[in-house]
């Protein structure tokens, strides 16, 4: 079972972004005040428990509590912020992203199989 890591600082984000040349990273941006985000988070957790490859870094960002991190992610990878949002990054660049009801166990699995 893969585990996610919550990041709360822009320094942590910069560190993990620099690691994407070695292995891909899937970032889950989550709002703790949104029921759609809660559903997407459940899909993310199910994916991690049942389908997630172990050679990927899985990050989690609470967009309200860590707004500066969330904004920095949008700026660094050039993907307009939405919440909930999942972004797959390889070699410092986004290669896939989905938001809202498009974040499902199946869509996450498909993204990482490409």
N, C-alpha and C. Protein backbone atom coordinates (compact mmCIF):
# COMPACT_ATOMS: atom_id res chain seq x y z
N UNK A 1 0.83 -1.18 0.00
CA UNK A 1 0.00 0.00 0.00
C UNK A 1 0.88 1.25 0.00
N UNK A 2 0.65 2.11 -0.98
CA UNK A 2 1.40 3.35 -1.07
C UNK A 2 0.89 4.34 -0.02
N UNK A 3 1.76 5.22 0.43
CA UNK A 3 1.41 6.22 1.43
C UNK A 3 1.62 7.62 0.86
N UNK A 4 0.74 8.55 1.21
CA UNK A 4 0.94 9.93 0.81
C UNK A 4 1.66 10.68 1.92
N UNK A 5 2.30 11.77 1.50
CA UNK A 5 3.00 12.65 2.43
C UNK A 5 2.36 14.03 2.32
N UNK A 6 1.94 14.60 3.45
CA UNK A 6 1.40 15.95 3.42
C UNK A 6 2.55 16.94 3.42
N UNK A 7 2.47 17.91 2.53
CA UNK A 7 3.46 18.99 2.55
C UNK A 7 2.77 20.28 2.97
N UNK A 8 3.50 21.09 3.74
CA UNK A 8 2.92 22.31 4.29
C UNK A 8 3.79 23.54 4.05
N UNK A 9 4.96 23.35 3.44
CA UNK A 9 5.85 24.48 3.19
C UNK A 9 6.30 24.49 1.73
N UNK A 10 6.63 25.67 1.26
CA UNK A 10 7.13 25.78 -0.12
C UNK A 10 8.51 25.13 -0.25
N UNK A 11 9.25 25.06 0.83
CA UNK A 11 10.55 24.38 0.80
C UNK A 11 10.37 22.88 0.56
N UNK A 12 9.38 22.29 1.23
CA UNK A 12 9.10 20.87 1.00
C UNK A 12 8.68 20.66 -0.46
N UNK A 13 7.82 21.53 -0.97
CA UNK A 13 7.40 21.43 -2.36
C UNK A 13 8.59 21.48 -3.31
N UNK A 14 9.48 22.45 -3.11
CA UNK A 14 10.66 22.59 -3.99
C UNK A 14 11.52 21.34 -3.95
N UNK A 15 11.69 20.79 -2.76
CA UNK A 15 12.47 19.54 -2.63
C UNK A 15 11.85 18.44 -3.46
N UNK A 16 10.56 18.20 -3.28
CA UNK A 16 9.92 17.09 -3.99
C UNK A 16 9.85 17.33 -5.49
N UNK A 17 9.63 18.58 -5.91
CA UNK A 17 9.60 18.88 -7.34
C UNK A 17 10.95 18.55 -7.97
N UNK A 18 12.03 18.84 -7.27
CA UNK A 18 13.36 18.55 -7.82
C UNK A 18 13.61 17.05 -7.95
N UNK A 19 12.86 16.24 -7.24
CA UNK A 19 13.04 14.79 -7.28
C UNK A 19 12.31 14.13 -8.46
N UNK A 20 11.49 14.88 -9.19
CA UNK A 20 10.68 14.28 -10.24
C UNK A 20 11.47 13.86 -11.46
N UNK A 21 12.74 14.19 -11.50
CA UNK A 21 13.58 13.67 -12.59
C UNK A 21 13.95 12.21 -12.33
N UNK A 22 13.88 11.81 -11.05
CA UNK A 22 14.21 10.44 -10.68
C UNK A 22 12.98 9.53 -10.67
N UNK A 23 11.85 10.08 -10.24
CA UNK A 23 10.60 9.31 -10.23
C UNK A 23 9.40 10.25 -10.26
N UNK A 24 8.30 9.78 -10.81
CA UNK A 24 7.12 10.64 -10.93
C UNK A 24 6.50 10.97 -9.58
N UNK A 25 5.69 12.02 -9.59
CA UNK A 25 5.04 12.48 -8.38
C UNK A 25 3.58 12.78 -8.69
N UNK A 26 2.68 12.31 -7.85
CA UNK A 26 1.27 12.62 -7.97
C UNK A 26 0.87 13.50 -6.79
N UNK A 27 0.41 14.71 -7.10
CA UNK A 27 0.01 15.67 -6.09
C UNK A 27 -1.51 15.73 -6.01
N UNK A 28 -2.03 15.63 -4.81
CA UNK A 28 -3.47 15.76 -4.57
C UNK A 28 -3.69 17.05 -3.79
N UNK A 29 -4.39 18.01 -4.42
CA UNK A 29 -4.75 19.26 -3.76
C UNK A 29 -6.18 19.11 -3.24
N UNK A 30 -6.35 19.35 -1.94
CA UNK A 30 -7.60 19.01 -1.24
C UNK A 30 -8.11 20.19 -0.42
N UNK A 31 -9.40 20.45 -0.52
CA UNK A 31 -10.04 21.45 0.34
C UNK A 31 -10.77 20.72 1.47
N UNK A 32 -10.46 21.12 2.69
CA UNK A 32 -11.09 20.49 3.85
C UNK A 32 -12.52 21.00 4.08
N UNK A 33 -12.99 21.92 3.24
CA UNK A 33 -14.33 22.48 3.39
C UNK A 33 -15.28 22.10 2.26
N UNK A 34 -14.86 21.22 1.39
CA UNK A 34 -15.64 20.94 0.18
C UNK A 34 -16.03 19.47 0.10
N UNK A 35 -17.31 19.16 -0.03
CA UNK A 35 -17.73 17.76 -0.13
C UNK A 35 -17.24 17.07 -1.41
N UNK A 36 -17.10 17.81 -2.50
CA UNK A 36 -16.56 17.22 -3.73
C UNK A 36 -15.10 16.81 -3.49
N UNK A 37 -14.37 17.65 -2.78
CA UNK A 37 -12.99 17.33 -2.45
C UNK A 37 -12.91 16.10 -1.55
N UNK A 38 -13.84 15.97 -0.63
CA UNK A 38 -13.87 14.79 0.25
C UNK A 38 -14.07 13.52 -0.57
N UNK A 39 -14.95 13.59 -1.57
CA UNK A 39 -15.16 12.43 -2.44
C UNK A 39 -13.91 12.10 -3.24
N UNK A 40 -13.25 13.12 -3.78
CA UNK A 40 -12.02 12.91 -4.55
C UNK A 40 -10.92 12.32 -3.66
N UNK A 41 -10.85 12.81 -2.42
CA UNK A 41 -9.85 12.28 -1.49
C UNK A 41 -10.10 10.81 -1.19
N UNK A 42 -11.36 10.43 -1.08
CA UNK A 42 -11.69 9.01 -0.86
C UNK A 42 -11.22 8.16 -2.04
N UNK A 43 -11.43 8.67 -3.26
CA UNK A 43 -10.97 7.97 -4.46
C UNK A 43 -9.44 7.84 -4.45
N UNK A 44 -8.75 8.91 -4.06
CA UNK A 44 -7.28 8.92 -3.96
C UNK A 44 -6.82 7.87 -2.95
N UNK A 45 -7.44 7.85 -1.80
CA UNK A 45 -7.05 6.88 -0.77
C UNK A 45 -7.31 5.44 -1.22
N UNK A 46 -8.43 5.20 -1.88
CA UNK A 46 -8.72 3.85 -2.40
C UNK A 46 -7.69 3.45 -3.43
N UNK A 47 -7.36 4.37 -4.32
CA UNK A 47 -6.32 4.12 -5.32
C UNK A 47 -5.00 3.76 -4.64
N UNK A 48 -4.61 4.52 -3.63
CA UNK A 48 -3.34 4.26 -2.95
C UNK A 48 -3.35 2.90 -2.26
N UNK A 49 -4.47 2.53 -1.70
CA UNK A 49 -4.57 1.26 -0.99
C UNK A 49 -4.58 0.05 -1.92
N UNK A 50 -5.10 0.22 -3.13
CA UNK A 50 -5.33 -0.95 -3.97
C UNK A 50 -4.59 -0.98 -5.30
N UNK A 51 -4.24 0.17 -5.87
CA UNK A 51 -3.71 0.17 -7.23
C UNK A 51 -2.40 0.92 -7.43
N UNK A 52 -1.95 1.67 -6.46
CA UNK A 52 -0.85 2.60 -6.66
C UNK A 52 0.51 1.91 -6.80
N UNK A 53 1.26 2.27 -7.85
CA UNK A 53 2.63 1.77 -7.97
C UNK A 53 3.49 2.34 -6.84
N UNK A 54 4.44 1.57 -6.39
CA UNK A 54 5.30 1.99 -5.28
C UNK A 54 6.41 2.95 -5.69
N UNK A 55 6.69 3.06 -6.98
CA UNK A 55 7.82 3.89 -7.43
C UNK A 55 7.42 5.33 -7.74
N UNK A 56 6.33 5.79 -7.13
CA UNK A 56 5.82 7.14 -7.32
C UNK A 56 5.76 7.84 -5.97
N UNK A 57 6.06 9.14 -5.95
CA UNK A 57 5.90 9.94 -4.74
C UNK A 57 4.47 10.47 -4.74
N UNK A 58 3.76 10.29 -3.63
CA UNK A 58 2.39 10.74 -3.49
C UNK A 58 2.33 11.86 -2.46
N UNK A 59 1.98 13.06 -2.92
CA UNK A 59 1.91 14.21 -2.04
C UNK A 59 0.46 14.66 -1.86
N UNK A 60 0.22 15.31 -0.74
CA UNK A 60 -1.10 15.78 -0.36
C UNK A 60 -0.96 17.21 0.17
N UNK A 61 -1.80 18.12 -0.34
CA UNK A 61 -1.75 19.51 0.09
C UNK A 61 -3.15 19.97 0.45
N UNK A 62 -3.31 20.49 1.65
CA UNK A 62 -4.57 21.10 2.07
C UNK A 62 -4.54 22.55 1.57
N UNK A 63 -5.40 22.86 0.60
CA UNK A 63 -5.30 24.14 -0.10
C UNK A 63 -5.66 25.35 0.76
N UNK A 64 -6.50 25.18 1.74
CA UNK A 64 -6.86 26.32 2.60
C UNK A 64 -5.77 26.55 3.64
N UNK A 65 -5.37 25.49 4.31
CA UNK A 65 -4.37 25.59 5.37
C UNK A 65 -2.97 25.88 4.83
N UNK A 66 -2.68 25.44 3.61
CA UNK A 66 -1.35 25.65 3.01
C UNK A 66 -1.50 26.36 1.66
N UNK A 67 -2.19 27.48 1.69
CA UNK A 67 -2.49 28.22 0.46
C UNK A 67 -1.23 28.62 -0.30
N UNK A 68 -0.17 29.03 0.42
CA UNK A 68 1.06 29.43 -0.27
C UNK A 68 1.67 28.26 -1.04
N UNK A 69 1.57 27.06 -0.49
CA UNK A 69 2.08 25.87 -1.18
C UNK A 69 1.23 25.58 -2.41
N UNK A 70 -0.07 25.63 -2.25
CA UNK A 70 -0.99 25.38 -3.36
C UNK A 70 -0.76 26.37 -4.50
N UNK A 71 -0.62 27.65 -4.16
CA UNK A 71 -0.36 28.66 -5.19
C UNK A 71 0.99 28.45 -5.87
N UNK A 72 1.98 28.07 -5.09
CA UNK A 72 3.32 27.83 -5.65
C UNK A 72 3.31 26.66 -6.62
N UNK A 73 2.56 25.61 -6.30
CA UNK A 73 2.43 24.47 -7.21
C UNK A 73 1.86 24.95 -8.53
N UNK A 74 0.77 25.71 -8.48
CA UNK A 74 0.15 26.23 -9.71
C UNK A 74 1.14 27.05 -10.52
N UNK A 75 1.89 27.91 -9.85
CA UNK A 75 2.88 28.75 -10.54
C UNK A 75 4.01 27.92 -11.14
N UNK A 76 4.54 26.99 -10.37
CA UNK A 76 5.71 26.21 -10.81
C UNK A 76 5.40 25.27 -11.96
N UNK A 77 4.22 24.67 -11.96
CA UNK A 77 3.92 23.68 -13.01
C UNK A 77 2.99 24.22 -14.10
N UNK A 78 2.48 25.45 -13.90
CA UNK A 78 1.66 26.07 -14.92
C UNK A 78 0.29 25.45 -15.10
N UNK A 79 -0.24 24.85 -14.03
CA UNK A 79 -1.58 24.28 -14.07
C UNK A 79 -2.45 25.15 -13.16
N UNK A 80 -3.46 25.80 -13.75
CA UNK A 80 -4.34 26.67 -12.99
C UNK A 80 -4.94 25.92 -11.80
N UNK A 81 -4.92 26.58 -10.65
CA UNK A 81 -5.43 25.96 -9.43
C UNK A 81 -6.92 25.65 -9.52
N UNK A 82 -7.24 24.44 -9.10
CA UNK A 82 -8.62 24.02 -8.86
C UNK A 82 -8.58 23.13 -7.63
N UNK A 83 -9.71 22.95 -7.04
CA UNK A 83 -9.76 22.09 -5.87
C UNK A 83 -11.11 21.36 -5.85
N UNK A 84 -11.03 20.06 -5.72
CA UNK A 84 -9.85 19.20 -5.64
C UNK A 84 -9.16 19.09 -6.99
N UNK A 85 -7.90 18.72 -6.92
CA UNK A 85 -7.11 18.60 -8.14
C UNK A 85 -6.00 17.56 -7.93
N UNK A 86 -5.78 16.76 -8.96
CA UNK A 86 -4.68 15.80 -8.96
C UNK A 86 -3.78 16.14 -10.14
N UNK A 87 -2.47 16.18 -9.89
CA UNK A 87 -1.50 16.53 -10.94
C UNK A 87 -0.38 15.50 -10.91
N UNK A 88 -0.11 14.89 -12.05
CA UNK A 88 1.01 13.97 -12.20
C UNK A 88 2.16 14.73 -12.84
N UNK A 89 3.33 14.67 -12.20
CA UNK A 89 4.50 15.43 -12.64
C UNK A 89 5.65 14.48 -12.90
N UNK A 90 6.26 14.66 -14.08
CA UNK A 90 7.47 13.92 -14.44
C UNK A 90 8.50 14.93 -14.95
N UNK A 91 9.74 14.79 -14.53
CA UNK A 91 10.81 15.68 -15.00
C UNK A 91 10.44 17.15 -14.83
N UNK A 92 9.81 17.48 -13.72
CA UNK A 92 9.48 18.86 -13.40
C UNK A 92 8.29 19.45 -14.12
N UNK A 93 7.61 18.65 -14.95
CA UNK A 93 6.51 19.17 -15.75
C UNK A 93 5.24 18.33 -15.57
N UNK A 94 4.08 18.98 -15.62
CA UNK A 94 2.83 18.22 -15.51
C UNK A 94 2.59 17.42 -16.79
N UNK A 95 2.22 16.17 -16.62
CA UNK A 95 1.91 15.31 -17.77
C UNK A 95 0.45 14.89 -17.78
N UNK A 96 -0.26 15.18 -16.69
CA UNK A 96 -1.67 14.81 -16.56
C UNK A 96 -2.24 15.58 -15.38
N UNK A 97 -3.50 15.99 -15.49
CA UNK A 97 -4.18 16.55 -14.33
C UNK A 97 -5.68 16.42 -14.49
N UNK A 98 -6.36 16.32 -13.38
CA UNK A 98 -7.81 16.22 -13.34
C UNK A 98 -8.30 16.99 -12.12
N UNK A 99 -9.56 17.38 -12.17
CA UNK A 99 -10.15 18.06 -11.02
C UNK A 99 -11.57 17.56 -10.78
N UNK A 100 -12.07 17.91 -9.63
CA UNK A 100 -13.44 17.63 -9.21
C UNK A 100 -13.81 16.16 -9.40
N UNK A 101 -14.94 15.90 -10.07
CA UNK A 101 -15.46 14.53 -10.18
C UNK A 101 -14.65 13.67 -11.14
N UNK A 102 -13.68 14.26 -11.82
CA UNK A 102 -12.84 13.49 -12.73
C UNK A 102 -11.68 12.80 -12.00
N UNK A 103 -11.57 13.05 -10.70
CA UNK A 103 -10.57 12.36 -9.90
C UNK A 103 -11.22 11.09 -9.36
N UNK A 104 -10.89 9.98 -9.99
CA UNK A 104 -11.43 8.69 -9.58
C UNK A 104 -10.28 7.69 -9.47
N UNK A 105 -10.56 6.62 -8.80
CA UNK A 105 -9.57 5.54 -8.70
C UNK A 105 -9.13 5.13 -10.10
N UNK A 106 -10.10 4.98 -11.02
CA UNK A 106 -9.80 4.57 -12.38
C UNK A 106 -8.96 5.59 -13.14
N UNK A 107 -9.28 6.87 -13.00
CA UNK A 107 -8.51 7.89 -13.74
C UNK A 107 -7.10 7.99 -13.20
N UNK A 108 -6.92 7.85 -11.89
CA UNK A 108 -5.58 7.87 -11.30
C UNK A 108 -4.77 6.67 -11.78
N UNK A 109 -5.38 5.52 -11.78
CA UNK A 109 -4.71 4.30 -12.23
C UNK A 109 -4.30 4.44 -13.70
N UNK A 110 -5.21 4.91 -14.52
CA UNK A 110 -4.92 5.08 -15.95
C UNK A 110 -3.78 6.06 -16.17
N UNK A 111 -3.76 7.16 -15.43
CA UNK A 111 -2.71 8.17 -15.58
C UNK A 111 -1.34 7.58 -15.31
N UNK A 112 -1.25 6.75 -14.29
CA UNK A 112 0.06 6.20 -13.93
C UNK A 112 0.45 5.00 -14.78
N UNK A 113 -0.47 4.45 -15.52
CA UNK A 113 -0.13 3.35 -16.42
C UNK A 113 0.42 3.85 -17.75
N UNK A 114 0.25 5.12 -18.03
CA UNK A 114 0.72 5.68 -19.31
C UNK A 114 2.23 5.80 -19.32
